Amino acid sequence: AFLGGVTENYNSNLIYKGSEIMVVEADEFDRSFLHLKPNIA
């Protein structure tokens, strides 16, 4: 999981437990999220 903040549980903005599933913040600023290919959103 790539996060836009630091989680209290992990003290990090990255949760890294494998790569089959990826959680991403789809940022609307400058239409950035249109670069993504989401399976679930």
Full PDB file with SEQRES, HELIX, SHEET, SSBOND, CRYST1, ORIGX, SCALE, CONECT and MASTER records, all heavy atoms in Angstrom:
SEQRES   1 A   41  ALA PHE LEU GLY GLY VAL THR GLU ASN TYR ASN SER ASN          
SEQRES   2 A   41  LEU ILE TYR LYS GLY SER GLU ILE MET VAL VAL GLU ALA          
SEQRES   3 A   41  ASP GLU PHE ASP ARG SER PHE LEU HIS LEU LYS PRO ASN          
SEQRES   4 A   41  ILE ALA                                                      
HELIX    1 AA1 PHE A   29  HIS A   35  5                                   7    
SHEET    1 AA1 2 PHE A   2  THR A   7  0                                        
SHEET    2 AA1 2 SER A  12  LEU A  14 -1                                        
CRYST1    1.000    1.000    1.000  90.00  90.00  90.00 P 1           1          
ORIGX1      1.000000  0.000000  0.000000        0.00000                         
ORIGX2      0.000000  1.000000  0.000000        0.00000                         
ORIGX3      0.000000  0.000000  1.000000        0.00000                         
SCALE1      1.000000  0.000000  0.000000        0.00000                         
SCALE2      0.000000  1.000000  0.000000        0.00000                         
SCALE3      0.000000  0.000000  1.000000        0.00000                         
ATOM      1  N   ALA A   1       0.841  -1.197   0.000  1.00  0.00           N  
ATOM      2  CA  ALA A   1       0.000   0.000   0.000  1.00  0.00           C  
ATOM      3  C   ALA A   1       0.875   1.246   0.000  1.00  0.00           C  
ATOM      4  O   ALA A   1       1.721   1.414   0.881  1.00  0.00           O  
ATOM      5  CB  ALA A   1      -0.933   0.002   1.213  1.00  0.00           C  
ATOM      6  N   PHE A   2       0.661   2.105  -1.014  1.00  0.00           N  
ATOM      7  CA  PHE A   2       1.344   3.395  -1.106  1.00  0.00           C  
ATOM      8  C   PHE A   2       0.393   4.456  -0.543  1.00  0.00           C  
ATOM      9  O   PHE A   2      -0.694   4.666  -1.087  1.00  0.00           O  
ATOM     10  CB  PHE A   2       1.682   3.723  -2.557  1.00  0.00           C  
ATOM     11  CG  PHE A   2       2.630   2.749  -3.199  1.00  0.00           C  
ATOM     12  CD1 PHE A   2       2.154   1.688  -3.955  1.00  0.00           C  
ATOM     13  CD2 PHE A   2       4.000   2.887  -3.051  1.00  0.00           C  
ATOM     14  CE1 PHE A   2       3.025   0.782  -4.556  1.00  0.00           C  
ATOM     15  CE2 PHE A   2       4.881   1.990  -3.644  1.00  0.00           C  
ATOM     16  CZ  PHE A   2       4.391   0.941  -4.398  1.00  0.00           C  
ATOM     17  N   LEU A   3       0.804   5.119   0.529  1.00  0.00           N  
ATOM     18  CA  LEU A   3      -0.108   5.998   1.258  1.00  0.00           C  
ATOM     19  C   LEU A   3       0.347   7.451   1.233  1.00  0.00           C  
ATOM     20  O   LEU A   3       1.541   7.738   1.175  1.00  0.00           O  
ATOM     21  CB  LEU A   3      -0.225   5.519   2.708  1.00  0.00           C  
ATOM     22  CG  LEU A   3      -0.576   4.033   2.894  1.00  0.00           C  
ATOM     23  CD1 LEU A   3      -0.513   3.653   4.368  1.00  0.00           C  
ATOM     24  CD2 LEU A   3      -1.934   3.727   2.301  1.00  0.00           C  
ATOM     25  N   GLY A   4      -0.617   8.347   1.331  1.00  0.00           N  
ATOM     26  CA  GLY A   4      -0.332   9.780   1.364  1.00  0.00           C  
ATOM     27  C   GLY A   4      -0.192  10.327   2.771  1.00  0.00           C  
ATOM     28  O   GLY A   4      -0.318  11.533   2.999  1.00  0.00           O  
ATOM     29  N   GLY A   5       0.052   9.446   3.718  1.00  0.00           N  
ATOM     30  CA  GLY A   5       0.243   9.846   5.102  1.00  0.00           C  
ATOM     31  C   GLY A   5       0.966   8.733   5.844  1.00  0.00           C  
ATOM     32  O   GLY A   5       1.110   7.619   5.335  1.00  0.00           O  
ATOM     33  N   VAL A   6       1.417   9.036   7.043  1.00  0.00           N  
ATOM     34  CA  VAL A   6       2.146   8.064   7.854  1.00  0.00           C  
ATOM     35  C   VAL A   6       1.167   7.394   8.815  1.00  0.00           C  
ATOM     36  O   VAL A   6       0.540   8.055   9.643  1.00  0.00           O  
ATOM     37  CB  VAL A   6       3.288   8.742   8.638  1.00  0.00           C  
ATOM     38  CG1 VAL A   6       3.982   7.753   9.563  1.00  0.00           C  
ATOM     39  CG2 VAL A   6       4.281   9.368   7.667  1.00  0.00           C  
ATOM     40  N   THR A   7       1.025   6.071   8.693  1.00  0.00           N  
ATOM     41  CA  THR A   7       0.103   5.347   9.564  1.00  0.00           C  
ATOM     42  C   THR A   7       0.707   5.168  10.946  1.00  0.00           C  
ATOM     43  O   THR A   7       1.901   4.944  11.087  1.00  0.00           O  
ATOM     44  CB  THR A   7      -0.236   3.957   8.993  1.00  0.00           C  
ATOM     45  OG1 THR A   7       0.956   3.174   8.936  1.00  0.00           O  
ATOM     46  CG2 THR A   7      -0.851   4.061   7.614  1.00  0.00           C  
ATOM     47  N   GLU A   8      -0.151   5.264  11.958  1.00  0.00           N  
ATOM     48  CA  GLU A   8       0.310   5.060  13.329  1.00  0.00           C  
ATOM     49  C   GLU A   8       0.703   3.603  13.558  1.00  0.00           C  
ATOM     50  O   GLU A   8       1.627   3.318  14.314  1.00  0.00           O  
ATOM     51  CB  GLU A   8      -0.803   5.457  14.315  1.00  0.00           C  
ATOM     52  CG  GLU A   8      -1.239   6.921  14.234  1.00  0.00           C  
ATOM     53  CD  GLU A   8      -0.245   7.875  14.865  1.00  0.00           C  
ATOM     54  OE1 GLU A   8       0.821   7.424  15.332  1.00  0.00           O  
ATOM     55  OE2 GLU A   8      -0.534   9.086  14.896  1.00  0.00           O  
ATOM     56  N   ASN A   9       0.018   2.674  12.890  1.00  0.00           N  
ATOM     57  CA  ASN A   9       0.315   1.254  13.093  1.00  0.00           C  
ATOM     58  C   ASN A   9       1.700   0.867  12.599  1.00  0.00           C  
ATOM     59  O   ASN A   9       2.390   0.048  13.210  1.00  0.00           O  
ATOM     60  CB  ASN A   9      -0.719   0.373  12.376  1.00  0.00           C  
ATOM     61  CG  ASN A   9      -2.087   0.446  13.014  1.00  0.00           C  
ATOM     62  OD1 ASN A   9      -2.799   1.415  12.805  1.00  0.00           O  
ATOM     63  ND2 ASN A   9      -2.458  -0.555  13.790  1.00  0.00           N  
ATOM     64  N   TYR A  10       2.117   1.446  11.455  1.00  0.00           N  
ATOM     65  CA  TYR A  10       3.359   1.019  10.806  1.00  0.00           C  
ATOM     66  C   TYR A  10       4.448   2.088  10.858  1.00  0.00           C  
ATOM     67  O   TYR A  10       5.577   1.835  10.440  1.00  0.00           O  
ATOM     68  CB  TYR A  10       3.072   0.648   9.343  1.00  0.00           C  
ATOM     69  CG  TYR A  10       1.996  -0.407   9.212  1.00  0.00           C  
ATOM     70  CD1 TYR A  10       0.656  -0.034   9.126  1.00  0.00           C  
ATOM     71  CD2 TYR A  10       2.306  -1.751   9.209  1.00  0.00           C  
ATOM     72  CE1 TYR A  10      -0.354  -0.990   9.027  1.00  0.00           C  
ATOM     73  CE2 TYR A  10       1.310  -2.720   9.111  1.00  0.00           C  
ATOM     74  CZ  TYR A  10      -0.022  -2.331   9.022  1.00  0.00           C  
ATOM     75  OH  TYR A  10      -1.004  -3.277   8.929  1.00  0.00           O  
ATOM     76  N   ASN A  11       4.084   3.286  11.340  1.00  0.00           N  
ATOM     77  CA  ASN A  11       5.003   4.427  11.361  1.00  0.00           C  
ATOM     78  C   ASN A  11       5.662   4.618   9.999  1.00  0.00           C  
ATOM     79  O   ASN A  11       6.862   4.876   9.884  1.00  0.00           O  
ATOM     80  CB  ASN A  11       6.075   4.260  12.445  1.00  0.00           C  
ATOM     81  CG  ASN A  11       6.808   5.565  12.732  1.00  0.00           C  
ATOM     82  OD1 ASN A  11       6.234   6.646  12.577  1.00  0.00           O  
ATOM     83  ND2 ASN A  11       8.065   5.483  13.106  1.00  0.00           N  
ATOM     84  N   SER A  12       4.867   4.469   8.955  1.00  0.00           N  
ATOM     85  CA  SER A  12       5.382   4.556   7.590  1.00  0.00           C  
ATOM     86  C   SER A  12       4.236   4.908   6.643  1.00  0.00           C  
ATOM     87  O   SER A  12       3.057   4.745   6.977  1.00  0.00           O  
ATOM     88  CB  SER A  12       6.011   3.221   7.174  1.00  0.00           C  
ATOM     89  OG  SER A  12       6.475   3.271   5.834  1.00  0.00           O  
ATOM     90  N   ASN A  13       4.609   5.390   5.445  1.00  0.00           N  
ATOM     91  CA  ASN A  13       3.623   5.620   4.397  1.00  0.00           C  
ATOM     92  C   ASN A  13       3.634   4.490   3.367  1.00  0.00           C  
ATOM     93  O   ASN A  13       3.084   4.616   2.286  1.00  0.00           O  
ATOM     94  CB  ASN A  13       3.859   6.964   3.697  1.00  0.00           C  
ATOM     95  CG  ASN A  13       5.284   7.113   3.188  1.00  0.00           C  
ATOM     96  OD1 ASN A  13       6.150   6.271   3.422  1.00  0.00           O  
ATOM     97  ND2 ASN A  13       5.546   8.199   2.491  1.00  0.00           N  
ATOM     98  N   LEU A  14       4.275   3.386   3.744  1.00  0.00           N  
ATOM     99  CA  LEU A  14       4.312   2.198   2.892  1.00  0.00           C  
ATOM    100  C   LEU A  14       4.016   0.967   3.744  1.00  0.00           C  
ATOM    101  O   LEU A  14       4.631   0.759   4.785  1.00  0.00           O  
ATOM    102  CB  LEU A  14       5.695   2.042   2.242  1.00  0.00           C  
ATOM    103  CG  LEU A  14       5.871   0.806   1.346  1.00  0.00           C  
ATOM    104  CD1 LEU A  14       5.116   0.974   0.038  1.00  0.00           C  
ATOM    105  CD2 LEU A  14       7.357   0.544   1.070  1.00  0.00           C  
ATOM    106  N   ILE A  15       3.041   0.175   3.304  1.00  0.00           N  
ATOM    107  CA  ILE A  15       2.779  -1.144   3.894  1.00  0.00           C  
ATOM    108  C   ILE A  15       3.264  -2.157   2.870  1.00  0.00           C  
ATOM    109  O   ILE A  15       2.840  -2.137   1.710  1.00  0.00           O  
ATOM    110  CB  ILE A  15       1.284  -1.345   4.201  1.00  0.00           C  
ATOM    111  CG1 ILE A  15       0.797  -0.284   5.208  1.00  0.00           C  
ATOM    112  CG2 ILE A  15       1.028  -2.743   4.752  1.00  0.00           C  
ATOM    113  CD1 ILE A  15      -0.706  -0.292   5.447  1.00  0.00           C  
ATOM    114  N   TYR A  16       4.141  -3.055   3.279  1.00  0.00           N  
ATOM    115  CA  TYR A  16       4.829  -3.939   2.320  1.00  0.00           C  
ATOM    116  C   TYR A  16       4.720  -5.377   2.810  1.00  0.00           C  
ATOM    117  O   TYR A  16       5.509  -5.846   3.602  1.00  0.00           O  
ATOM    118  CB  TYR A  16       6.289  -3.499   2.214  1.00  0.00           C  
ATOM    119  CG  TYR A  16       7.087  -4.161   1.117  1.00  0.00           C  
ATOM    120  CD1 TYR A  16       6.861  -3.839  -0.222  1.00  0.00           C  
ATOM    121  CD2 TYR A  16       8.083  -5.085   1.428  1.00  0.00           C  
ATOM    122  CE1 TYR A  16       7.621  -4.433  -1.235  1.00  0.00           C  
ATOM    123  CE2 TYR A  16       8.847  -5.687   0.422  1.00  0.00           C  
ATOM    124  CZ  TYR A  16       8.610  -5.354  -0.907  1.00  0.00           C  
ATOM    125  OH  TYR A  16       9.349  -5.945  -1.904  1.00  0.00           O  
ATOM    126  N   LYS A  17       3.689  -6.077   2.331  1.00  0.00           N  
ATOM    127  CA  LYS A  17       3.424  -7.457   2.760  1.00  0.00           C  
ATOM    128  C   LYS A  17       3.285  -8.405   1.572  1.00  0.00           C  
ATOM    129  O   LYS A  17       2.763  -9.506   1.711  1.00  0.00           O  
ATOM    130  CB  LYS A  17       2.128  -7.505   3.586  1.00  0.00           C  
ATOM    131  CG  LYS A  17       2.129  -6.661   4.844  1.00  0.00           C  
ATOM    132  CD  LYS A  17       2.958  -7.287   5.936  1.00  0.00           C  
ATOM    133  CE  LYS A  17       2.857  -6.482   7.228  1.00  0.00           C  
ATOM    134  NZ  LYS A  17       3.662  -7.054   8.317  1.00  0.00           N  
ATOM    135  N   GLY A  18       3.734  -7.998   0.401  1.00  0.00           N  
ATOM    136  CA  GLY A  18       3.588  -8.800  -0.806  1.00  0.00           C  
ATOM    137  C   GLY A  18       3.224  -7.899  -1.975  1.00  0.00           C  
ATOM    138  O   GLY A  18       2.995  -6.703  -1.791  1.00  0.00           O  
ATOM    139  N   SER A  19       3.162  -8.457  -3.172  1.00  0.00           N  
ATOM    140  CA  SER A  19       2.950  -7.602  -4.344  1.00  0.00           C  
ATOM    141  C   SER A  19       1.792  -8.031  -5.240  1.00  0.00           C  
ATOM    142  O   SER A  19       1.581  -7.447  -6.292  1.00  0.00           O  
ATOM    143  CB  SER A  19       4.237  -7.552  -5.179  1.00  0.00           C  
ATOM    144  OG  SER A  19       4.631  -8.861  -5.558  1.00  0.00           O  
ATOM    145  N   GLU A  20       1.023  -9.023  -4.805  1.00  0.00           N  
ATOM    146  CA  GLU A  20      -0.097  -9.455  -5.644  1.00  0.00           C  
ATOM    147  C   GLU A  20      -1.226  -8.422  -5.662  1.00  0.00           C  
ATOM    148  O   GLU A  20      -1.964  -8.303  -6.645  1.00  0.00           O  
ATOM    149  CB  GLU A  20      -0.629 -10.803  -5.150  1.00  0.00           C  
ATOM    150  CG  GLU A  20       0.333 -11.958  -5.398  1.00  0.00           C  
ATOM    151  CD  GLU A  20      -0.202 -13.265  -4.850  1.00  0.00           C  
ATOM    152  OE1 GLU A  20      -1.441 -13.444  -4.871  1.00  0.00           O  
ATOM    153  OE2 GLU A  20       0.602 -14.088  -4.393  1.00  0.00           O  
ATOM    154  N   ILE A  21      -1.370  -7.700  -4.561  1.00  0.00           N  
ATOM    155  CA  ILE A  21      -2.390  -6.655  -4.450  1.00  0.00           C  
ATOM    156  C   ILE A  21      -1.684  -5.338  -4.169  1.00  0.00           C  
ATOM    157  O   ILE A  21      -0.790  -5.277  -3.330  1.00  0.00           O  
ATOM    158  CB  ILE A  21      -3.380  -6.959  -3.310  1.00  0.00           C  
ATOM    159  CG1 ILE A  21      -4.079  -8.309  -3.541  1.00  0.00           C  
ATOM    160  CG2 ILE A  21      -4.415  -5.845  -3.182  1.00  0.00           C  
ATOM    161  CD1 ILE A  21      -4.885  -8.781  -2.356  1.00  0.00           C  
ATOM    162  N   MET A  22      -2.085  -4.282  -4.866  1.00  0.00           N  
ATOM    163  CA  MET A  22      -1.515  -2.957  -4.606  1.00  0.00           C  
ATOM    164  C   MET A  22      -2.633  -1.955  -4.309  1.00  0.00           C  
ATOM    165  O   MET A  22      -3.588  -1.837  -5.073  1.00  0.00           O  
ATOM    166  CB  MET A  22      -0.699  -2.483  -5.800  1.00  0.00           C  
ATOM    167  CG  MET A  22       0.523  -3.316  -6.046  1.00  0.00           C  
ATOM    168  SD  MET A  22       1.994  -2.322  -6.317  1.00  0.00           S  
ATOM    169  CE  MET A  22       3.252  -3.613  -6.332  1.00  0.00           C  
ATOM    170  N   VAL A  23      -2.497  -1.276  -3.182  1.00  0.00           N  
ATOM    171  CA  VAL A  23      -3.412  -0.201  -2.803  1.00  0.00           C  
ATOM    172  C   VAL A  23      -2.738   1.121  -3.136  1.00  0.00           C  
ATOM    173  O   VAL A  23      -1.609   1.374  -2.684  1.00  0.00           O  
ATOM    174  CB  VAL A  23      -3.753  -0.261  -1.305  1.00  0.00           C  
ATOM    175  CG1 VAL A  23      -4.595   0.955  -0.902  1.00  0.00           C  
ATOM    176  CG2 VAL A  23      -4.486  -1.557  -0.973  1.00  0.00           C  
ATOM    177  N   VAL A  24      -3.402   1.945  -3.938  1.00  0.00           N  
ATOM    178  CA  VAL A  24      -2.821   3.237  -4.324  1.00  0.00           C  
ATOM    179  C   VAL A  24      -3.852   4.337  -4.136  1.00  0.00           C  
ATOM    180  O   VAL A  24      -5.054   4.116  -4.290  1.00  0.00           O  
ATOM    181  CB  VAL A  24      -2.321   3.233  -5.792  1.00  0.00           C  
ATOM    182  CG1 VAL A  24      -1.271   2.153  -6.005  1.00  0.00           C  
ATOM    183  CG2 VAL A  24      -3.475   3.030  -6.768  1.00  0.00           C  
ATOM    184  N   GLU A  25      -3.366   5.515  -3.788  1.00  0.00           N  
ATOM    185  CA  GLU A  25      -4.225   6.700  -3.772  1.00  0.00           C  
ATOM    186  C   GLU A  25      -4.320   7.232  -5.195  1.00  0.00           C  
ATOM    187  O   GLU A  25      -3.296   7.511  -5.820  1.00  0.00           O  
ATOM    188  CB  GLU A  25      -3.654   7.760  -2.830  1.00  0.00           C  
ATOM    189  CG  GLU A  25      -3.764   7.366  -1.375  1.00  0.00           C  
ATOM    190  CD  GLU A  25      -3.466   8.529  -0.444  1.00  0.00           C  
ATOM    191  OE1 GLU A  25      -3.738   9.690  -0.841  1.00  0.00           O  
ATOM    192  OE2 GLU A  25      -2.973   8.275   0.668  1.00  0.00           O  
ATOM    193  N   ALA A  26      -5.526   7.349  -5.690  1.00  0.00           N  
ATOM    194  CA  ALA A  26      -5.765   7.823  -7.054  1.00  0.00           C  
ATOM    195  C   ALA A  26      -5.971   9.335  -6.992  1.00  0.00           C  
ATOM    196  O   ALA A  26      -7.068   9.820  -6.723  1.00  0.00           O  
ATOM    197  CB  ALA A  26      -6.985   7.119  -7.644  1.00  0.00           C  
ATOM    198  N   ASP A  27      -4.892  10.072  -7.227  1.00  0.00           N  
ATOM    199  CA  ASP A  27      -4.877  11.517  -7.026  1.00  0.00           C  
ATOM    200  C   ASP A  27      -5.467  12.238  -8.229  1.00  0.00           C  
ATOM    201  O   ASP A  27      -5.010  12.064  -9.364  1.00  0.00           O  
ATOM    202  CB  ASP A  27      -3.430  11.971  -6.799  1.00  0.00           C  
ATOM    203  CG  ASP A  27      -3.349  13.413  -6.332  1.00  0.00           C  
ATOM    204  OD1 ASP A  27      -4.398  14.078  -6.214  1.00  0.00           O  
ATOM    205  OD2 ASP A  27      -2.223  13.883  -6.087  1.00  0.00           O  
ATOM    206  N   GLU A  28      -6.479  13.076  -7.963  1.00  0.00           N  
ATOM    207  CA  GLU A  28      -7.119  13.815  -9.056  1.00  0.00           C  
ATOM    208  C   GLU A  28      -6.324  15.044  -9.486  1.00  0.00           C  
ATOM    209  O   GLU A  28      -6.577  15.603 -10.569  1.00  0.00           O  
ATOM    210  CB  GLU A  28      -8.534  14.230  -8.649  1.00  0.00           C  
ATOM    211  CG  GLU A  28      -8.640  15.375  -7.643  1.00  0.00           C  
ATOM    212  CD  GLU A  28      -8.439  14.948  -6.194  1.00  0.00           C  
ATOM    213  OE1 GLU A  28      -8.153  13.747  -5.950  1.00  0.00           O  
ATOM    214  OE2 GLU A  28      -8.552  15.808  -5.302  1.00  0.00           O  
ATOM    215  N   PHE A  29      -5.354  15.468  -8.673  1.00  0.00           N  
ATOM    216  CA  PHE A  29      -4.559  16.643  -9.041  1.00  0.00           C  
ATOM    217  C   PHE A  29      -3.885  16.402 -10.394  1.00  0.00           C  
ATOM    218  O   PHE A  29      -3.298  15.375 -10.622  1.00  0.00           O  
ATOM    219  CB  PHE A  29      -3.502  16.947  -7.976  1.00  0.00           C  
ATOM    220  CG  PHE A  29      -2.573  18.067  -8.360  1.00  0.00           C  
ATOM    221  CD1 PHE A  29      -3.033  19.368  -8.394  1.00  0.00           C  
ATOM    222  CD2 PHE A  29      -1.268  17.822  -8.718  1.00  0.00           C  
ATOM    223  CE1 PHE A  29      -2.192  20.404  -8.766  1.00  0.00           C  
ATOM    224  CE2 PHE A  29      -0.412  18.847  -9.096  1.00  0.00           C  
ATOM    225  CZ  PHE A  29      -0.887  20.150  -9.115  1.00  0.00           C  
ATOM    226  N   ASP A  30      -3.970  17.318 -11.297  1.00  0.00           N  
ATOM    227  CA  ASP A  30      -3.463  17.274 -12.680  1.00  0.00           C  
ATOM    228  C   ASP A  30      -3.828  15.968 -13.410  1.00  0.00           C  
ATOM    229  O   ASP A  30      -3.100  15.487 -14.272  1.00  0.00           O  
ATOM    230  CB  ASP A  30      -1.960  17.588 -12.763  1.00  0.00           C  
ATOM    231  CG  ASP A  30      -1.022  16.457 -12.317  1.00  0.00           C  
ATOM    232  OD1 ASP A  30      -1.511  15.403 -11.874  1.00  0.00           O  
ATOM    233  OD2 ASP A  30       0.195  16.638 -12.426  1.00  0.00           O  
ATOM    234  N   ARG A  31      -5.006  15.404 -13.011  1.00  0.00           N  
ATOM    235  CA  ARG A  31      -5.562  14.214 -13.679  1.00  0.00           C  
ATOM    236  C   ARG A  31      -4.649  12.990 -13.553  1.00  0.00           C  
ATOM    237  O   ARG A  31      -4.693  12.081 -14.387  1.00  0.00           O  
ATOM    238  CB  ARG A  31      -5.868  14.512 -15.152  1.00  0.00           C  
ATOM    239  CG  ARG A  31      -6.902  15.613 -15.338  1.00  0.00           C  
ATOM    240  CD  ARG A  31      -7.108  15.970 -16.809  1.00  0.00           C  
ATOM    241  NE  ARG A  31      -8.221  16.899 -16.986  1.00  0.00           N  
ATOM    242  CZ  ARG A  31      -8.143  18.216 -16.845  1.00  0.00           C  
ATOM    243  NH1 ARG A  31      -6.992  18.753 -16.495  1.00  0.00           N  
ATOM    244  NH2 ARG A  31      -9.190  18.986 -17.018  1.00  0.00           N  
ATOM    245  N   SER A  32      -3.849  12.957 -12.504  1.00  0.00           N  
ATOM    246  CA  SER A  32      -2.871  11.883 -12.317  1.00  0.00           C  
ATOM    247  C   SER A  32      -3.523  10.508 -12.327  1.00  0.00           C  
ATOM    248  O   SER A  32      -2.951   9.537 -12.831  1.00  0.00           O  
ATOM    249  CB  SER A  32      -2.122  12.069 -10.995  1.00  0.00           C  
ATOM    250  OG  SER A  32      -1.293  13.207 -11.041  1.00  0.00           O  
ATOM    251  N   PHE A  33      -4.725  10.400 -11.745  1.00  0.00           N  
ATOM    252  CA  PHE A  33      -5.318   9.072 -11.577  1.00  0.00           C  
ATOM    253  C   PHE A  33      -5.709   8.397 -12.891  1.00  0.00           C  
ATOM    254  O   PHE A  33      -5.980   7.188 -12.922  1.00  0.00           O  
ATOM    255  CB  PHE A  33      -6.497   9.090 -10.610  1.00  0.00           C  
ATOM    256  CG  PHE A  33      -7.640  10.035 -10.928  1.00  0.00           C  
ATOM    257  CD1 PHE A  33      -7.684  10.811 -12.065  1.00  0.00           C  
ATOM    258  CD2 PHE A  33      -8.716  10.138 -10.032  1.00  0.00           C  
ATOM    259  CE1 PHE A  33      -8.739  11.663 -12.327  1.00  0.00           C  
ATOM    260  CE2 PHE A  33      -9.776  10.982 -10.280  1.00  0.00           C  
ATOM    261  CZ  PHE A  33      -9.799  11.745 -11.436  1.00  0.00           C  
ATOM    262  N   LEU A  34      -5.712   9.131 -13.974  1.00  0.00           N  
ATOM    263  CA  LEU A  34      -6.038   8.527 -15.265  1.00  0.00           C  
ATOM    264  C   LEU A  34      -4.904   7.638 -15.790  1.00  0.00           C  
ATOM    265  O   LEU A  34      -5.077   6.926 -16.779  1.00  0.00           O  
ATOM    266  CB  LEU A  34      -6.388   9.613 -16.287  1.00  0.00           C  
ATOM    267  CG  LEU A  34      -7.614  10.484 -15.930  1.00  0.00           C  
ATOM    268  CD1 LEU A  34      -7.890  11.484 -17.038  1.00  0.00           C  
ATOM    269  CD2 LEU A  34      -8.846   9.620 -15.656  1.00  0.00           C  
ATOM    270  N   HIS A  35      -3.747   7.679 -15.127  1.00  0.00           N  
ATOM    271  CA  HIS A  35      -2.633   6.787 -15.499  1.00  0.00           C  
ATOM    272  C   HIS A  35      -2.800   5.381 -14.919  1.00  0.00           C  
ATOM    273  O   HIS A  35      -2.056   4.477 -15.281  1.00  0.00           O  
ATOM    274  CB  HIS A  35      -1.295   7.359 -15.010  1.00  0.00           C  
ATOM    275  CG  HIS A  35      -0.877   8.610 -15.706  1.00  0.00           C  
ATOM    276  ND1 HIS A  35      -0.523   8.648 -17.037  1.00  0.00           N  
ATOM    277  CD2 HIS A  35      -0.758   9.886 -15.256  1.00  0.00           C  
ATOM    278  CE1 HIS A  35      -0.199   9.891 -17.375  1.00  0.00           C  
ATOM    279  NE2 HIS A  35      -0.328  10.656 -16.312  1.00  0.00           N  
ATOM    280  N   LEU A  36      -3.750   5.221 -14.002  1.00  0.00           N  
ATOM    281  CA  LEU A  36      -3.909   3.939 -13.313  1.00  0.00           C  
ATOM    282  C   LEU A  36      -4.777   2.965 -14.112  1.00  0.00           C  
ATOM    283  O   LEU A  36      -5.544   3.371 -14.982  1.00  0.00           O  
ATOM    284  CB  LEU A  36      -4.528   4.166 -11.928  1.00  0.00           C  
ATOM    285  CG  LEU A  36      -3.712   5.025 -10.965  1.00  0.00           C  
ATOM    286  CD1 LEU A  36      -4.527   5.335  -9.711  1.00  0.00           C  
ATOM    287  CD2 LEU A  36      -2.407   4.325 -10.589  1.00  0.00           C  
ATOM    288  N   LYS A  37      -4.656   1.686 -13.760  1.00  0.00           N  
ATOM    289  CA  LYS A  37      -5.491   0.633 -14.349  1.00  0.00           C  
ATOM    290  C   LYS A  37      -6.121  -0.148 -13.195  1.00  0.00           C  
ATOM    291  O   LYS A  37      -5.720  -1.273 -12.892  1.00  0.00           O  
ATOM    292  CB  LYS A  37      -4.658  -0.282 -15.254  1.00  0.00           C  
ATOM    293  CG  LYS A  37      -4.104   0.423 -16.479  1.00  0.00           C  
ATOM    294  CD  LYS A  37      -3.270  -0.507 -17.345  1.00  0.00           C  
ATOM    295  CE  LYS A  37      -2.849   0.173 -18.643  1.00  0.00           C  
ATOM    296  NZ  LYS A  37      -2.051   1.387 -18.428  1.00  0.00           N  
ATOM    297  N   PRO A  38      -7.129   0.439 -12.550  1.00  0.00           N  
ATOM    298  CA  PRO A  38      -7.673  -0.177 -11.337  1.00  0.00           C  
ATOM    299  C   PRO A  38      -8.576  -1.379 -11.630  1.00  0.00           C  
ATOM    300  O   PRO A  38      -9.396  -1.347 -12.543  1.00  0.00           O  
ATOM    301  CB  PRO A  38      -8.476   0.958 -10.704  1.00  0.00           C  
ATOM    302  CG  PRO A  38      -8.868   1.843 -11.852  1.00  0.00           C  
ATOM    303  CD  PRO A  38      -7.748   1.740 -12.845  1.00  0.00           C  
ATOM    304  N   ASN A  39      -8.413  -2.437 -10.841  1.00  0.00           N  
ATOM    305  CA  ASN A  39      -9.338  -3.569 -10.883  1.00  0.00           C  
ATOM    306  C   ASN A  39     -10.532  -3.335  -9.966  1.00  0.00           C  
ATOM    307  O   ASN A  39     -11.655  -3.747 -10.265  1.00  0.00           O  
ATOM    308  CB  ASN A  39      -8.619  -4.852 -10.446  1.00  0.00           C  
ATOM    309  CG  ASN A  39      -7.404  -5.150 -11.312  1.00  0.00           C  
ATOM    310  OD1 ASN A  39      -6.293  -4.796 -10.945  1.00  0.00           O  
ATOM    311  ND2 ASN A  39      -7.603  -5.785 -12.451  1.00  0.00           N  
ATOM    312  N   ILE A  40     -10.245  -2.675  -8.842  1.00  0.00           N  
ATOM    313  CA  ILE A  40     -11.277  -2.301  -7.865  1.00  0.00           C  
ATOM    314  C   ILE A  40     -10.989  -0.857  -7.480  1.00  0.00           C  
ATOM    315  O   ILE A  40      -9.832  -0.473  -7.323  1.00  0.00           O  
ATOM    316  CB  ILE A  40     -11.207  -3.205  -6.620  1.00  0.00           C  
ATOM    317  CG1 ILE A  40     -11.442  -4.678  -7.003  1.00  0.00           C  
ATOM    318  CG2 ILE A  40     -12.211  -2.766  -5.564  1.00  0.00           C  
ATOM    319  CD1 ILE A  40     -11.106  -5.662  -5.885  1.00  0.00           C  
ATOM    320  N   ALA A  41     -12.033  -0.046  -7.356  1.00  0.00           N  
ATOM    321  CA  ALA A  41     -11.797   1.365  -7.023  1.00  0.00           C  
ATOM    322  C   ALA A  41     -12.946   1.903  -6.193  1.00  0.00           C  
ATOM    323  O   ALA A  41     -14.040   1.324  -6.141  1.00  0.00           O  
ATOM    324  CB  ALA A  41     -11.620   2.197  -8.289  1.00  0.00           C  
TER     325      ALA A  41                                                      
MASTER        0    0    0    1    2    0    0    6  324    1    0    4          
END                                                                             
